Protein backbone atom coordinates (compact mmCIF):
# COMPACT_ATOMS: atom_id res chain seq x y z
CA MET A 1 -2.51 23.77 -3.62
CA GLU A 2 0.50 23.12 -5.82
CA ASN A 3 0.63 20.12 -8.15
CA LEU A 4 -0.36 16.94 -6.27
CA PHE A 5 3.03 15.33 -6.90
CA GLU A 6 5.18 18.40 -6.17
CA LEU A 7 6.19 19.80 -2.79
CA HIS A 8 8.35 22.65 -1.62
CA ALA A 9 10.60 22.20 1.42
CA ASP A 10 13.15 24.13 3.42
CA VAL A 11 16.53 22.68 4.30
CA ARG A 12 16.75 21.96 8.01
CA ALA A 13 19.79 23.20 9.91
CA GLU A 14 18.95 22.25 13.51
CA GLN A 15 19.09 18.58 14.44
CA GLY A 16 18.00 16.54 17.44
CA LYS A 17 14.75 15.63 19.21
CA GLY A 18 14.38 19.04 20.80
CA ALA A 19 14.59 20.79 17.44
CA SER A 20 12.07 18.35 15.97
CA ARG A 21 9.60 19.02 18.77
CA ARG A 22 9.91 22.78 18.21
CA LEU A 23 9.27 22.33 14.51
CA ARG A 24 6.15 20.26 15.13
CA ARG A 25 4.79 22.81 17.58
CA ALA A 26 5.29 25.42 14.84
CA GLY A 27 3.22 23.37 12.37
CA LYS A 28 6.18 21.87 10.52
CA VAL A 29 7.19 18.29 9.69
CA PRO A 30 10.84 17.18 9.77
CA ALA A 31 11.99 14.82 7.02
CA VAL A 32 15.08 13.20 5.60
CA LEU A 33 15.95 12.78 1.92
CA TYR A 34 18.50 10.08 1.05
CA GLY A 35 19.67 7.65 -1.63
CA ALA A 36 21.20 7.67 -5.14
CA ALA A 37 24.72 7.73 -3.68
CA LYS A 38 24.26 11.29 -2.40
CA GLU A 39 24.48 12.76 1.07
CA PRO A 40 21.26 12.73 3.10
CA ILE A 41 19.51 16.09 3.49
CA SER A 42 17.26 17.10 6.39
CA LEU A 43 14.15 18.92 5.23
CA ILE A 44 11.15 20.75 6.68
CA PHE A 45 7.61 20.68 5.26
CA ASP A 46 4.54 22.68 6.13
CA HIS A 47 2.24 20.25 7.97
CA ASN A 48 -1.12 21.44 6.67
CA LEU A 49 -0.01 21.54 3.04
CA LEU A 50 1.68 18.15 3.32
CA PHE A 51 -1.41 16.63 4.92
CA ARG A 52 -3.55 17.78 1.98
CA HIS A 53 -1.19 15.92 -0.38
CA LEU A 54 -1.31 12.82 1.82
CA SER A 55 -5.10 12.71 1.58
CA HIS A 56 -4.71 11.47 -2.03
CA ASP A 57 -3.92 7.75 -2.38
CA ALA A 58 -1.88 8.30 -5.55
CA PHE A 59 0.64 10.38 -3.61
CA TYR A 60 1.98 7.28 -1.84
CA SER A 61 2.94 5.35 -4.98
CA HIS A 62 3.96 8.09 -7.38
CA ILE A 63 7.27 9.69 -8.33
CA LEU A 64 7.30 13.00 -6.44
CA THR A 65 9.21 16.20 -7.14
CA ILE A 66 10.68 17.94 -4.10
CA HIS A 67 11.86 21.53 -4.53
CA ALA A 68 14.45 22.49 -1.90
CA ASN A 69 17.48 24.75 -1.78
CA GLY A 70 16.98 25.84 -5.38
CA LYS A 71 17.00 22.26 -6.70
CA ALA A 72 14.35 19.78 -7.78
CA GLU A 73 14.74 16.11 -6.82
CA LYS A 74 12.72 13.10 -7.95
CA VAL A 75 11.80 10.96 -4.95
CA VAL A 76 9.38 8.37 -3.57
CA LEU A 77 7.82 8.29 -0.13
CA LYS A 78 9.45 5.40 1.77
CA ALA A 79 8.15 5.88 5.31
CA LEU A 80 5.60 8.02 7.08
CA GLN A 81 5.36 8.37 10.85
CA ARG A 82 2.07 9.54 12.36
CA ASP A 83 1.18 10.40 15.92
CA PRO A 84 -0.20 7.17 17.47
CA VAL A 85 -2.81 9.17 19.38
CA ASN A 86 -3.75 11.54 16.55
CA PRO A 87 -3.29 9.93 13.09
CA ASN A 88 -4.02 13.28 11.46
CA LYS A 89 -0.73 14.57 12.81
CA VAL A 90 2.36 13.68 10.75
CA LEU A 91 5.59 13.40 12.75
CA HIS A 92 8.25 12.53 10.17
CA LEU A 93 8.87 11.58 6.54
CA ASP A 94 11.51 9.41 4.86
CA LEU A 95 12.04 10.22 1.18
CA GLN A 96 14.26 8.25 -1.20
CA ARG A 97 15.82 9.73 -4.31
CA VAL A 98 14.95 8.04 -7.56
CA SER A 99 17.60 7.02 -10.06
CA ALA A 100 16.57 6.43 -13.68
CA ALA A 101 18.97 3.48 -13.90
CA GLN A 102 18.27 1.87 -10.53
CA LYS A 103 15.24 -0.22 -9.62
CA LEU A 104 13.16 0.95 -6.71
CA THR A 105 11.03 -1.08 -4.33
CA ILE A 106 7.74 0.48 -3.28
CA LYS A 107 4.20 -0.46 -2.34
CA VAL A 108 1.45 0.34 -4.83
CA PRO A 109 -2.30 0.10 -4.18
CA LEU A 110 -4.50 -2.67 -5.52
CA HIS A 111 -7.63 -1.69 -7.46
CA PHE A 112 -10.36 -4.35 -7.45
CA ILE A 113 -12.78 -4.64 -10.37
CA GLY A 114 -15.56 -7.10 -11.23
CA ASP A 115 -16.75 -7.49 -7.62
CA GLU A 116 -20.44 -7.25 -8.46
CA THR A 117 -20.33 -9.38 -11.60
CA ALA A 118 -18.13 -12.17 -10.23
CA PRO A 119 -19.97 -15.54 -10.51
CA GLY A 120 -19.26 -16.23 -6.85
CA VAL A 121 -21.17 -13.09 -5.90
CA LYS A 122 -23.83 -12.64 -8.58
CA GLN A 123 -24.80 -16.30 -9.05
CA GLU A 124 -23.74 -17.97 -5.80
CA GLY A 125 -24.36 -15.19 -3.29
CA GLY A 126 -20.85 -15.23 -1.89
CA THR A 127 -19.01 -12.41 -0.11
CA VAL A 128 -15.80 -10.80 -1.36
CA ALA A 129 -12.97 -10.69 1.20
CA ARG A 130 -10.06 -8.41 0.29
CA LEU A 131 -6.97 -9.69 2.07
CA LEU A 132 -4.43 -7.14 0.77
CA ASN A 133 -4.84 -3.46 -0.06
CA ASP A 134 -1.42 -2.96 -1.65
CA VAL A 135 1.55 -4.93 -2.93
CA GLU A 136 5.28 -4.29 -2.90
CA VAL A 137 6.77 -4.13 -6.39
CA SER A 138 10.22 -3.62 -7.88
CA CYS A 139 10.80 -1.69 -11.09
CA LEU A 140 12.52 1.25 -12.72
CA ALA A 141 11.00 4.65 -12.06
CA LYS A 142 9.70 4.89 -15.63
CA ASP A 143 7.73 1.65 -15.19
CA LEU A 144 6.16 2.46 -11.81
CA PRO A 145 2.38 1.90 -12.00
CA GLU A 146 -0.05 4.00 -9.97
CA TYR A 147 -1.91 0.80 -9.06
CA ILE A 148 -2.22 -2.91 -9.86
CA GLU A 149 -5.62 -4.06 -11.10
CA VAL A 150 -7.22 -7.19 -9.60
CA ASP A 151 -10.01 -8.62 -11.78
CA LEU A 152 -12.65 -10.74 -10.03
CA ALA A 153 -14.82 -11.19 -13.13
CA ASN A 154 -14.32 -14.98 -13.27
CA LEU A 155 -13.96 -15.73 -9.55
CA GLY A 156 -16.32 -18.25 -7.96
CA VAL A 157 -17.14 -19.14 -4.37
CA GLY A 158 -14.14 -20.65 -2.58
CA GLU A 159 -11.70 -19.39 -5.21
CA THR A 160 -8.77 -17.10 -4.44
CA VAL A 161 -6.54 -14.70 -6.36
CA HIS A 162 -2.89 -14.94 -5.23
CA LEU A 163 0.04 -12.61 -5.88
CA SER A 164 1.22 -14.90 -8.68
CA ASP A 165 -2.15 -14.44 -10.43
CA LEU A 166 -1.80 -10.67 -10.74
CA LYS A 167 -1.22 -9.24 -14.21
CA LEU A 168 1.76 -6.91 -13.90
CA PRO A 169 2.77 -4.15 -16.32
CA GLY A 170 5.98 -4.62 -18.27
CA GLY A 171 9.14 -4.23 -16.23
CA VAL A 172 7.33 -4.69 -12.90
CA GLU A 173 8.08 -7.57 -10.51
CA ILE A 174 6.84 -8.69 -7.10
CA PRO A 175 9.98 -9.47 -5.03
CA ALA A 176 8.09 -11.73 -2.62
CA LEU A 177 7.43 -14.26 -5.38
CA LYS A 178 11.16 -14.90 -5.71
CA LEU A 179 11.25 -16.16 -2.11
CA GLY A 180 9.22 -19.29 -2.79
CA GLU A 181 5.63 -20.56 -2.82
CA ASP A 182 5.15 -19.78 0.87
CA HIS A 183 5.31 -16.08 -0.02
CA ASP A 184 2.60 -16.27 -2.69
CA GLN A 185 0.05 -14.51 -0.51
CA PRO A 186 -3.71 -14.57 -1.15
CA VAL A 187 -5.00 -11.21 -2.35
CA VAL A 188 -8.77 -11.68 -2.47
CA THR A 189 -11.23 -14.55 -2.11
CA ILE A 190 -14.97 -15.15 -2.24
CA HIS A 191 -16.47 -16.78 0.83
CA LYS A 192 -19.54 -19.01 0.83
CA PRO A 193 -22.84 -17.37 1.73
CA ARG A 194 -23.22 -17.24 5.53
CA VAL A 195 -26.40 -19.35 5.58
CA VAL A 196 -24.83 -22.13 3.52
CA ALA A 197 -21.70 -22.14 5.67
CA GLU A 198 -23.75 -22.34 8.86
CA GLU A 199 -25.87 -25.19 7.46
CA GLU A 200 -22.74 -27.14 6.54
CA GLU A 201 -21.31 -26.63 10.02
CA THR A 202 -24.59 -27.75 11.62
CA GLY A 203 -24.73 -30.79 9.37
CA ALA A 204 -21.18 -31.76 10.31
CA GLU A 205 -22.03 -31.50 14.01
CA GLY A 206 -25.13 -33.67 13.45
CA ASP A 207 -23.02 -36.36 11.78
CA ASP A 208 -20.71 -36.40 14.79
CA VAL A 209 -23.65 -36.85 17.17
CA GLU A 210 -25.11 -39.71 15.11
CA ALA A 211 -21.75 -41.46 15.01
CA THR A 212 -21.42 -41.10 18.79
CA ASP A 213 -24.94 -42.49 19.37
CA ALA A 214 -24.22 -45.44 17.10
CA GLU A 215 -21.21 -46.32 19.22
């Protein structure tokens, strides 16, 4: 396989749903490349080769190089359409050109560390609940991180890491945080141990019964 972040494509001449269906039957994937104030280009990728690239998580949040029509373009993957019945079958790609001077908005994966040593897990027996797997960031291409690290080393039971708690690399922003506190989503939390939670619920029910009997 060629470099993980490089792909070769053919320029697509035929347009329309019928042409797309024929391409898919022939083991090809139609795609469109747009952005950077240039005309959109319709492309064709080999399905099996593309799928091997897509099996790597880093491919989704990395600057890619697409070789087509004798030119190399720097792009990011903006949208991926899969067959709803067979997720191993890719139907279409949207690729956006990258400009060195223009910020791009893209989702990057979250990498969680400190799960096993977190006080809420190691000392209190809690359970880690990951609420987000990725986060949308805005930055210049040169500042694009492959992932954002989420450290649980100091997290206790009942505590939560929110988007605003994430440590971002220089030049990287989370657009959602500019929309107000309501958009400061929880990323990960540590739940109480199941037995303790059940005992608390049972105790609360018992209190209700006693209060009813007293009345």
